[in-house]
All heavy atoms as atom14 arrays in JSON, in Angstrom:
{
  "sequence": "LISFLKPGGRVGVATPSLTKEVAGLGGIPDHVARCVGWEALAWH",
  "atom14_mask": [
    [1, 1, 1, 1, 1, 1, 1, 1, 0, 0, 0, 0, 0, 0],
    [1, 1, 1, 1, 1, 1, 1, 1, 0, 0, 0, 0, 0, 0],
    [1, 1, 1, 1, 1, 1, 0, 0, 0, 0, 0, 0, 0, 0],
    [1, 1, 1, 1, 1, 1, 1, 1, 1, 1, 1, 0, 0, 0],
    [1, 1, 1, 1, 1, 1, 1, 1, 0, 0, 0, 0, 0, 0],
    [1, 1, 1, 1, 1, 1, 1, 1, 1, 0, 0, 0, 0, 0],
    [1, 1, 1, 1, 1, 1, 1, 0, 0, 0, 0, 0, 0, 0],
    [1, 1, 1, 1, 0, 0, 0, 0, 0, 0, 0, 0, 0, 0],
    [1, 1, 1, 1, 0, 0, 0, 0, 0, 0, 0, 0, 0, 0],
    [1, 1, 1, 1, 1, 1, 1, 1, 1, 1, 1, 0, 0, 0],
    [1, 1, 1, 1, 1, 1, 1, 0, 0, 0, 0, 0, 0, 0],
    [1, 1, 1, 1, 0, 0, 0, 0, 0, 0, 0, 0, 0, 0],
    [1, 1, 1, 1, 1, 1, 1, 0, 0, 0, 0, 0, 0, 0],
    [1, 1, 1, 1, 1, 0, 0, 0, 0, 0, 0, 0, 0, 0],
    [1, 1, 1, 1, 1, 1, 1, 0, 0, 0, 0, 0, 0, 0],
    [1, 1, 1, 1, 1, 1, 1, 0, 0, 0, 0, 0, 0, 0],
    [1, 1, 1, 1, 1, 1, 0, 0, 0, 0, 0, 0, 0, 0],
    [1, 1, 1, 1, 1, 1, 1, 1, 0, 0, 0, 0, 0, 0],
    [1, 1, 1, 1, 1, 1, 1, 0, 0, 0, 0, 0, 0, 0],
    [1, 1, 1, 1, 1, 1, 1, 1, 1, 0, 0, 0, 0, 0],
    [1, 1, 1, 1, 1, 1, 1, 1, 1, 0, 0, 0, 0, 0],
    [1, 1, 1, 1, 1, 1, 1, 0, 0, 0, 0, 0, 0, 0],
    [1, 1, 1, 1, 1, 0, 0, 0, 0, 0, 0, 0, 0, 0],
    [1, 1, 1, 1, 0, 0, 0, 0, 0, 0, 0, 0, 0, 0],
    [1, 1, 1, 1, 1, 1, 1, 1, 0, 0, 0, 0, 0, 0],
    [1, 1, 1, 1, 0, 0, 0, 0, 0, 0, 0, 0, 0, 0],
    [1, 1, 1, 1, 0, 0, 0, 0, 0, 0, 0, 0, 0, 0],
    [1, 1, 1, 1, 1, 1, 1, 1, 0, 0, 0, 0, 0, 0],
    [1, 1, 1, 1, 1, 1, 1, 0, 0, 0, 0, 0, 0, 0],
    [1, 1, 1, 1, 1, 1, 1, 1, 0, 0, 0, 0, 0, 0],
    [1, 1, 1, 1, 1, 1, 1, 1, 1, 1, 0, 0, 0, 0],
    [1, 1, 1, 1, 1, 1, 1, 0, 0, 0, 0, 0, 0, 0],
    [1, 1, 1, 1, 1, 0, 0, 0, 0, 0, 0, 0, 0, 0],
    [1, 1, 1, 1, 1, 1, 1, 1, 1, 1, 1, 0, 0, 0],
    [1, 1, 1, 1, 1, 1, 0, 0, 0, 0, 0, 0, 0, 0],
    [1, 1, 1, 1, 1, 1, 1, 0, 0, 0, 0, 0, 0, 0],
    [1, 1, 1, 1, 0, 0, 0, 0, 0, 0, 0, 0, 0, 0],
    [1, 1, 1, 1, 1, 1, 1, 1, 1, 1, 1, 1, 1, 1],
    [1, 1, 1, 1, 1, 1, 1, 1, 1, 0, 0, 0, 0, 0],
    [1, 1, 1, 1, 1, 0, 0, 0, 0, 0, 0, 0, 0, 0],
    [1, 1, 1, 1, 1, 1, 1, 1, 0, 0, 0, 0, 0, 0],
    [1, 1, 1, 1, 1, 0, 0, 0, 0, 0, 0, 0, 0, 0],
    [1, 1, 1, 1, 1, 1, 1, 1, 1, 1, 1, 1, 1, 1],
    [1, 1, 1, 1, 1, 1, 1, 1, 1, 1, 0, 0, 0, 0]
  ],
  "atom14_positions": [
    [[0.79, -1.26, -0.06], [-0.04, 0.01, 0.0], [0.83, 1.29, -0.02], [0.6, 2.2, -0.68], [-0.9, -0.03, 1.24], [-1.81, 1.26, 1.32], [-2.77, 1.25, 0.17], [-2.61, 1.14, 2.53], [0.0, 0.0, 0.0], [0.0, 0.0, 0.0], [0.0, 0.0, 0.0], [0.0, 0.0, 0.0], [0.0, 0.0, 0.0], [0.0, 0.0, 0.0]],
    [[1.87, 1.33, 0.89], [2.61, 2.56, 0.93], [3.47, 2.66, -0.32], [4.11, 3.8, -0.42], [3.43, 2.58, 2.19], [4.51, 1.53, 2.24], [2.47, 2.44, 3.42], [5.55, 1.8, 3.43], [0.0, 0.0, 0.0], [0.0, 0.0, 0.0], [0.0, 0.0, 0.0], [0.0, 0.0, 0.0], [0.0, 0.0, 0.0], [0.0, 0.0, 0.0]],
    [[3.63, 1.81, -1.25], [4.27, 2.06, -2.47], [3.64, 3.14, -3.32], [4.23, 3.89, -4.04], [4.6, 0.85, -3.38], [3.29, 0.35, -3.68], [0.0, 0.0, 0.0], [0.0, 0.0, 0.0], [0.0, 0.0, 0.0], [0.0, 0.0, 0.0], [0.0, 0.0, 0.0], [0.0, 0.0, 0.0], [0.0, 0.0, 0.0], [0.0, 0.0, 0.0]],
    [[2.37, 3.32, -2.93], [1.56, 4.28, -3.73], [1.65, 5.69, -3.02], [1.01, 6.57, -3.47], [0.04, 3.86, -3.71], [-0.03, 2.64, -4.59], [-0.27, 1.45, -3.92], [0.02, 2.55, -6.05], [-0.42, 0.21, -4.54], [0.0, 1.44, -6.68], [-0.35, 0.19, -6.0], [0.0, 0.0, 0.0], [0.0, 0.0, 0.0], [0.0, 0.0, 0.0]],
    [[2.35, 5.88, -1.87], [2.45, 7.02, -1.11], [3.76, 7.78, -1.41], [4.8, 6.99, -1.56], [2.47, 6.75, 0.37], [1.02, 6.75, 1.19], [1.32, 6.39, 2.67], [0.35, 8.13, 1.0], [0.0, 0.0, 0.0], [0.0, 0.0, 0.0], [0.0, 0.0, 0.0], [0.0, 0.0, 0.0], [0.0, 0.0, 0.0], [0.0, 0.0, 0.0]],
    [[3.71, 9.11, -1.33], [5.01, 9.77, -1.45], [5.84, 9.72, -0.2], [5.19, 9.39, 0.87], [4.64, 11.29, -1.7], [3.9, 11.55, -2.99], [3.6, 13.02, -3.07], [2.86, 13.27, -4.42], [2.29, 14.72, -4.5], [0.0, 0.0, 0.0], [0.0, 0.0, 0.0], [0.0, 0.0, 0.0], [0.0, 0.0, 0.0], [0.0, 0.0, 0.0]],
    [[7.09, 9.89, -0.18], [7.82, 9.87, 1.06], [7.18, 10.92, 2.01], [6.93, 12.0, 1.59], [9.18, 10.23, 0.76], [9.28, 9.89, -0.81], [7.98, 10.11, -1.39], [0.0, 0.0, 0.0], [0.0, 0.0, 0.0], [0.0, 0.0, 0.0], [0.0, 0.0, 0.0], [0.0, 0.0, 0.0], [0.0, 0.0, 0.0], [0.0, 0.0, 0.0]],
    [[7.02, 10.59, 3.31], [6.45, 11.41, 4.28], [4.93, 11.41, 4.25], [4.29, 12.02, 5.11], [0.0, 0.0, 0.0], [0.0, 0.0, 0.0], [0.0, 0.0, 0.0], [0.0, 0.0, 0.0], [0.0, 0.0, 0.0], [0.0, 0.0, 0.0], [0.0, 0.0, 0.0], [0.0, 0.0, 0.0], [0.0, 0.0, 0.0], [0.0, 0.0, 0.0]],
    [[4.32, 10.77, 3.24], [2.86, 10.63, 3.2], [2.31, 9.8, 4.31], [3.01, 9.03, 4.93], [0.0, 0.0, 0.0], [0.0, 0.0, 0.0], [0.0, 0.0, 0.0], [0.0, 0.0, 0.0], [0.0, 0.0, 0.0], [0.0, 0.0, 0.0], [0.0, 0.0, 0.0], [0.0, 0.0, 0.0], [0.0, 0.0, 0.0], [0.0, 0.0, 0.0]],
    [[1.04, 9.96, 4.63], [0.42, 9.32, 5.78], [-0.54, 8.31, 5.4], [-1.31, 8.67, 4.39], [-0.13, 10.45, 6.77], [0.97, 11.23, 7.49], [0.53, 11.9, 8.72], [1.59, 12.72, 9.38], [1.52, 13.15, 10.52], [0.49, 12.94, 11.36], [2.7, 13.77, 11.08], [0.0, 0.0, 0.0], [0.0, 0.0, 0.0], [0.0, 0.0, 0.0]],
    [[-0.72, 7.26, 6.18], [-1.87, 6.34, 5.98], [-2.62, 6.2, 7.2], [-2.02, 6.17, 8.31], [-1.27, 4.93, 5.48], [-0.2, 4.4, 6.46], [-2.34, 3.95, 5.34], [0.0, 0.0, 0.0], [0.0, 0.0, 0.0], [0.0, 0.0, 0.0], [0.0, 0.0, 0.0], [0.0, 0.0, 0.0], [0.0, 0.0, 0.0], [0.0, 0.0, 0.0]],
    [[-3.87, 6.28, 7.18], [-4.8, 6.37, 8.28], [-5.91, 5.39, 8.19], [-6.58, 5.46, 7.06], [0.0, 0.0, 0.0], [0.0, 0.0, 0.0], [0.0, 0.0, 0.0], [0.0, 0.0, 0.0], [0.0, 0.0, 0.0], [0.0, 0.0, 0.0], [0.0, 0.0, 0.0], [0.0, 0.0, 0.0], [0.0, 0.0, 0.0], [0.0, 0.0, 0.0]],
    [[-6.19, 4.5, 9.17], [-7.24, 3.44, 9.17], [-8.11, 3.62, 10.46], [-7.53, 3.87, 11.51], [-6.73, 2.19, 8.93], [-5.89, 2.01, 7.63], [-5.96, 1.59, 10.13], [0.0, 0.0, 0.0], [0.0, 0.0, 0.0], [0.0, 0.0, 0.0], [0.0, 0.0, 0.0], [0.0, 0.0, 0.0], [0.0, 0.0, 0.0], [0.0, 0.0, 0.0]],
    [[-9.4, 3.42, 10.21], [-10.3, 3.24, 11.13], [-10.94, 1.83, 11.05], [-11.57, 1.57, 9.97], [-11.35, 4.32, 11.18], [0.0, 0.0, 0.0], [0.0, 0.0, 0.0], [0.0, 0.0, 0.0], [0.0, 0.0, 0.0], [0.0, 0.0, 0.0], [0.0, 0.0, 0.0], [0.0, 0.0, 0.0], [0.0, 0.0, 0.0], [0.0, 0.0, 0.0]],
    [[-10.71, 0.92, 11.97], [-11.1, -0.46, 11.83], [-11.62, -1.05, 13.05], [-11.21, -0.61, 14.12], [-9.78, -1.2, 11.41], [-10.15, -2.55, 11.22], [-8.71, -1.17, 12.37], [0.0, 0.0, 0.0], [0.0, 0.0, 0.0], [0.0, 0.0, 0.0], [0.0, 0.0, 0.0], [0.0, 0.0, 0.0], [0.0, 0.0, 0.0], [0.0, 0.0, 0.0]],
    [[-12.65, -1.94, 12.99], [-13.17, -2.59, 14.28], [-12.06, -3.11, 15.11], [-11.11, -3.77, 14.51], [-14.15, -3.51, 13.66], [-14.57, -3.03, 12.38], [-13.33, -2.38, 11.8], [0.0, 0.0, 0.0], [0.0, 0.0, 0.0], [0.0, 0.0, 0.0], [0.0, 0.0, 0.0], [0.0, 0.0, 0.0], [0.0, 0.0, 0.0], [0.0, 0.0, 0.0]],
    [[-12.3, -3.11, 16.36], [-11.27, -3.47, 17.29], [-11.93, -4.14, 18.56], [-12.97, -3.84, 18.89], [-10.43, -2.3, 17.75], [-9.48, -2.6, 18.79], [0.0, 0.0, 0.0], [0.0, 0.0, 0.0], [0.0, 0.0, 0.0], [0.0, 0.0, 0.0], [0.0, 0.0, 0.0], [0.0, 0.0, 0.0], [0.0, 0.0, 0.0], [0.0, 0.0, 0.0]],
    [[-11.21, -5.1, 19.13], [-11.4, -5.53, 20.48], [-10.48, -4.93, 21.48], [-9.29, -4.49, 20.98], [-11.36, -7.13, 20.65], [-12.34, -7.88, 19.8], [-12.09, -9.41, 19.8], [-13.73, -7.45, 20.06], [0.0, 0.0, 0.0], [0.0, 0.0, 0.0], [0.0, 0.0, 0.0], [0.0, 0.0, 0.0], [0.0, 0.0, 0.0], [0.0, 0.0, 0.0]],
    [[-10.78, -4.66, 22.7], [-9.84, -4.08, 23.5], [-8.87, -5.02, 24.07], [-7.87, -4.58, 24.68], [-10.59, -3.56, 24.83], [-11.27, -4.48, 25.35], [-11.65, -2.43, 24.34], [0.0, 0.0, 0.0], [0.0, 0.0, 0.0], [0.0, 0.0, 0.0], [0.0, 0.0, 0.0], [0.0, 0.0, 0.0], [0.0, 0.0, 0.0], [0.0, 0.0, 0.0]],
    [[-9.01, -6.4, 23.85], [-8.0, -7.46, 24.03], [-7.88, -8.24, 22.89], [-8.81, -8.54, 22.15], [-8.42, -8.16, 25.33], [-8.62, -7.24, 26.6], [-9.15, -8.21, 27.69], [-9.35, -7.36, 28.97], [-9.82, -8.22, 30.1], [0.0, 0.0, 0.0], [0.0, 0.0, 0.0], [0.0, 0.0, 0.0], [0.0, 0.0, 0.0], [0.0, 0.0, 0.0]],
    [[-6.72, -8.8, 22.57], [-6.55, -9.68, 21.55], [-7.31, -10.98, 21.79], [-7.27, -11.56, 22.86], [-5.02, -9.98, 21.3], [-4.27, -8.77, 20.74], [-4.81, -8.51, 19.31], [-4.93, -9.49, 18.41], [-5.02, -7.31, 18.99], [0.0, 0.0, 0.0], [0.0, 0.0, 0.0], [0.0, 0.0, 0.0], [0.0, 0.0, 0.0], [0.0, 0.0, 0.0]],
    [[-7.81, -11.53, 20.63], [-8.58, -12.81, 20.59], [-7.73, -13.93, 21.32], [-8.27, -14.76, 22.12], [-9.11, -13.2, 19.27], [-9.49, -14.68, 19.24], [-10.15, -12.26, 18.89], [0.0, 0.0, 0.0], [0.0, 0.0, 0.0], [0.0, 0.0, 0.0], [0.0, 0.0, 0.0], [0.0, 0.0, 0.0], [0.0, 0.0, 0.0], [0.0, 0.0, 0.0]],
    [[-6.4, -14.01, 20.93], [-5.65, -15.0, 21.56], [-5.49, -15.0, 23.1], [-5.61, -15.93, 23.59], [-4.19, -15.0, 20.95], [0.0, 0.0, 0.0], [0.0, 0.0, 0.0], [0.0, 0.0, 0.0], [0.0, 0.0, 0.0], [0.0, 0.0, 0.0], [0.0, 0.0, 0.0], [0.0, 0.0, 0.0], [0.0, 0.0, 0.0], [0.0, 0.0, 0.0]],
    [[-5.52, -13.77, 23.57], [-5.58, -13.6, 24.92], [-6.74, -13.93, 25.63], [-6.82, -14.12, 26.98], [0.0, 0.0, 0.0], [0.0, 0.0, 0.0], [0.0, 0.0, 0.0], [0.0, 0.0, 0.0], [0.0, 0.0, 0.0], [0.0, 0.0, 0.0], [0.0, 0.0, 0.0], [0.0, 0.0, 0.0], [0.0, 0.0, 0.0], [0.0, 0.0, 0.0]],
    [[-7.87, -13.85, 24.89], [-9.2, -14.25, 25.44], [-9.44, -15.75, 25.31], [-10.5, -16.18, 25.98], [-10.3, -13.36, 24.68], [-10.37, -11.81, 24.83], [-11.25, -11.29, 23.79], [-10.6, -11.46, 26.12], [0.0, 0.0, 0.0], [0.0, 0.0, 0.0], [0.0, 0.0, 0.0], [0.0, 0.0, 0.0], [0.0, 0.0, 0.0], [0.0, 0.0, 0.0]],
    [[-8.61, -16.34, 24.68], [-8.87, -17.75, 24.54], [-9.87, -18.18, 23.39], [-10.28, -19.37, 23.29], [0.0, 0.0, 0.0], [0.0, 0.0, 0.0], [0.0, 0.0, 0.0], [0.0, 0.0, 0.0], [0.0, 0.0, 0.0], [0.0, 0.0, 0.0], [0.0, 0.0, 0.0], [0.0, 0.0, 0.0], [0.0, 0.0, 0.0], [0.0, 0.0, 0.0]],
    [[-10.23, -17.13, 22.66], [-11.2, -17.51, 21.62], [-12.0, -16.21, 21.31], [-12.1, -15.27, 22.17], [0.0, 0.0, 0.0], [0.0, 0.0, 0.0], [0.0, 0.0, 0.0], [0.0, 0.0, 0.0], [0.0, 0.0, 0.0], [0.0, 0.0, 0.0], [0.0, 0.0, 0.0], [0.0, 0.0, 0.0], [0.0, 0.0, 0.0], [0.0, 0.0, 0.0]],
    [[-12.88, -16.25, 20.35], [-13.77, -15.12, 19.92], [-14.89, -15.26, 20.92], [-15.53, -16.19, 21.16], [-14.27, -15.22, 18.51], [-13.12, -15.18, 17.54], [-15.26, -14.18, 18.25], [-13.6, -15.55, 16.06], [0.0, 0.0, 0.0], [0.0, 0.0, 0.0], [0.0, 0.0, 0.0], [0.0, 0.0, 0.0], [0.0, 0.0, 0.0], [0.0, 0.0, 0.0]],
    [[-15.13, -14.06, 21.76], [-16.26, -14.13, 22.67], [-17.65, -14.57, 21.96], [-17.8, -14.24, 20.82], [-16.43, -12.69, 23.08], [-14.96, -12.17, 23.04], [-14.56, -12.83, 21.66], [0.0, 0.0, 0.0], [0.0, 0.0, 0.0], [0.0, 0.0, 0.0], [0.0, 0.0, 0.0], [0.0, 0.0, 0.0], [0.0, 0.0, 0.0], [0.0, 0.0, 0.0]],
    [[-18.41, -15.31, 22.73], [-19.66, -15.91, 22.12], [-20.53, -14.82, 21.49], [-21.13, -14.84, 20.4], [-20.44, -16.51, 23.18], [-19.75, -17.9, 23.5], [-18.92, -18.38, 22.77], [-20.18, -18.48, 24.62], [0.0, 0.0, 0.0], [0.0, 0.0, 0.0], [0.0, 0.0, 0.0], [0.0, 0.0, 0.0], [0.0, 0.0, 0.0], [0.0, 0.0, 0.0]],
    [[-20.7, -13.66, 22.17], [-21.59, -12.58, 21.7], [-21.13, -11.84, 20.3], [-21.91, -11.52, 19.48], [-21.91, -11.57, 22.79], [-20.79, -10.77, 23.12], [-19.71, -11.17, 23.87], [-20.43, -9.46, 22.87], [-18.8, -10.31, 24.14], [-19.15, -9.16, 23.45], [0.0, 0.0, 0.0], [0.0, 0.0, 0.0], [0.0, 0.0, 0.0], [0.0, 0.0, 0.0]],
    [[-19.73, -11.97, 20.13], [-19.15, -11.48, 18.99], [-19.28, -12.54, 17.9], [-19.55, -12.22, 16.67], [-17.79, -11.03, 19.13], [-17.1, -10.54, 17.87], [-17.75, -9.96, 20.21], [0.0, 0.0, 0.0], [0.0, 0.0, 0.0], [0.0, 0.0, 0.0], [0.0, 0.0, 0.0], [0.0, 0.0, 0.0], [0.0, 0.0, 0.0], [0.0, 0.0, 0.0]],
    [[-18.94, -13.81, 18.33], [-18.94, -14.96, 17.2], [-20.41, -15.1, 16.64], [-20.63, -15.3, 15.52], [-18.51, -16.12, 17.97], [0.0, 0.0, 0.0], [0.0, 0.0, 0.0], [0.0, 0.0, 0.0], [0.0, 0.0, 0.0], [0.0, 0.0, 0.0], [0.0, 0.0, 0.0], [0.0, 0.0, 0.0], [0.0, 0.0, 0.0], [0.0, 0.0, 0.0]],
    [[-21.46, -14.9, 17.45], [-22.87, -15.05, 16.87], [-23.07, -13.91, 15.89], [-23.96, -14.22, 14.97], [-23.83, -14.9, 18.1], [-23.81, -16.14, 18.89], [-25.1, -16.04, 19.89], [-25.05, -14.93, 20.84], [-24.39, -14.97, 22.01], [-23.97, -16.1, 22.48], [-24.61, -13.91, 22.89], [0.0, 0.0, 0.0], [0.0, 0.0, 0.0], [0.0, 0.0, 0.0]],
    [[-22.38, -12.81, 15.87], [-22.74, -11.67, 14.94], [-21.82, -11.98, 13.75], [-22.15, -11.72, 12.61], [-22.58, -10.39, 15.61], [-22.95, -8.95, 14.45], [0.0, 0.0, 0.0], [0.0, 0.0, 0.0], [0.0, 0.0, 0.0], [0.0, 0.0, 0.0], [0.0, 0.0, 0.0], [0.0, 0.0, 0.0], [0.0, 0.0, 0.0], [0.0, 0.0, 0.0]],
    [[-20.48, -12.04, 13.94], [-19.5, -11.92, 12.85], [-18.63, -13.04, 12.66], [-17.92, -13.21, 11.66], [-18.68, -10.73, 13.03], [-19.44, -9.47, 12.95], [-17.86, -10.75, 14.29], [0.0, 0.0, 0.0], [0.0, 0.0, 0.0], [0.0, 0.0, 0.0], [0.0, 0.0, 0.0], [0.0, 0.0, 0.0], [0.0, 0.0, 0.0], [0.0, 0.0, 0.0]],
    [[-18.69, -14.06, 13.59], [-18.1, -15.38, 13.46], [-16.56, -15.16, 13.39], [-15.96, -14.25, 14.19], [0.0, 0.0, 0.0], [0.0, 0.0, 0.0], [0.0, 0.0, 0.0], [0.0, 0.0, 0.0], [0.0, 0.0, 0.0], [0.0, 0.0, 0.0], [0.0, 0.0, 0.0], [0.0, 0.0, 0.0], [0.0, 0.0, 0.0], [0.0, 0.0, 0.0]],
    [[-15.78, -15.92, 12.44], [-14.39, -15.8, 12.38], [-13.68, -14.54, 12.04], [-12.67, -14.23, 12.27], [-13.83, -16.99, 11.52], [-14.33, -16.81, 10.17], [-15.5, -17.4, 9.49], [-13.69, -16.05, 9.02], [-15.62, -16.96, 8.19], [-14.5, -16.2, 7.94], [-12.62, -15.29, 9.05], [-14.18, -15.49, 6.81], [-12.35, -14.64, 7.83], [-13.1, -14.77, 6.86]],
    [[-14.55, -13.6, 11.35], [-13.99, -12.29, 10.94], [-13.5, -11.48, 12.12], [-12.71, -10.64, 11.82], [-15.09, -11.57, 10.17], [-15.51, -12.19, 8.8], [-16.43, -11.28, 7.98], [-16.6, -10.1, 8.36], [-17.05, -11.86, 7.08], [0.0, 0.0, 0.0], [0.0, 0.0, 0.0], [0.0, 0.0, 0.0], [0.0, 0.0, 0.0], [0.0, 0.0, 0.0]],
    [[-14.01, -11.74, 13.29], [-13.46, -11.04, 14.43], [-12.0, -11.3, 14.71], [-11.32, -10.63, 15.5], [-14.24, -11.35, 15.77], [0.0, 0.0, 0.0], [0.0, 0.0, 0.0], [0.0, 0.0, 0.0], [0.0, 0.0, 0.0], [0.0, 0.0, 0.0], [0.0, 0.0, 0.0], [0.0, 0.0, 0.0], [0.0, 0.0, 0.0], [0.0, 0.0, 0.0]],
    [[-11.43, -12.29, 14.04], [-9.95, -12.48, 14.15], [-9.23, -11.32, 13.69], [-7.94, -11.19, 13.94], [-9.6, -13.84, 13.42], [-10.18, -15.1, 14.0], [-9.81, -16.31, 13.2], [-9.59, -15.34, 15.39], [0.0, 0.0, 0.0], [0.0, 0.0, 0.0], [0.0, 0.0, 0.0], [0.0, 0.0, 0.0], [0.0, 0.0, 0.0], [0.0, 0.0, 0.0]],
    [[-9.73, -10.55, 12.86], [-9.12, -9.33, 12.24], [-9.36, -8.21, 13.04], [-8.87, -6.99, 12.58], [-9.61, -9.21, 10.75], [0.0, 0.0, 0.0], [0.0, 0.0, 0.0], [0.0, 0.0, 0.0], [0.0, 0.0, 0.0], [0.0, 0.0, 0.0], [0.0, 0.0, 0.0], [0.0, 0.0, 0.0], [0.0, 0.0, 0.0], [0.0, 0.0, 0.0]],
    [[-9.97, -8.26, 14.08], [-10.38, -7.09, 14.94], [-9.29, -6.91, 16.0], [-9.46, -7.4, 17.18], [-11.85, -7.28, 15.69], [-12.92, -7.01, 14.53], [-12.79, -7.1, 13.2], [-14.21, -7.05, 14.82], [-14.09, -7.02, 12.64], [-14.96, -7.02, 13.56], [-15.08, -7.14, 15.97], [-16.41, -6.93, 13.51], [-16.43, -6.9, 15.9], [-17.06, -6.85, 14.74]],
    [[-8.24, -6.2, 15.69], [-7.16, -6.15, 16.51], [-7.11, -4.81, 17.44], [-7.69, -3.9, 16.99], [-5.81, -6.19, 15.74], [-5.6, -7.56, 15.15], [-5.37, -8.73, 15.93], [-5.6, -8.06, 13.88], [-5.22, -9.76, 15.08], [-5.3, -9.43, 13.91], [0.0, 0.0, 0.0], [0.0, 0.0, 0.0], [0.0, 0.0, 0.0], [0.0, 0.0, 0.0]]
  ]
}
């Protein structure tokens, strides 16, 4: 992605997040899994 940026250019993202990593929780919480399933693995 940053190959398309000029030197000094900025990249900014807003992305769904959990306040703790899934690995530290021992898995995707049930209430999140019921809604989005495995996609929550990308919510860092």
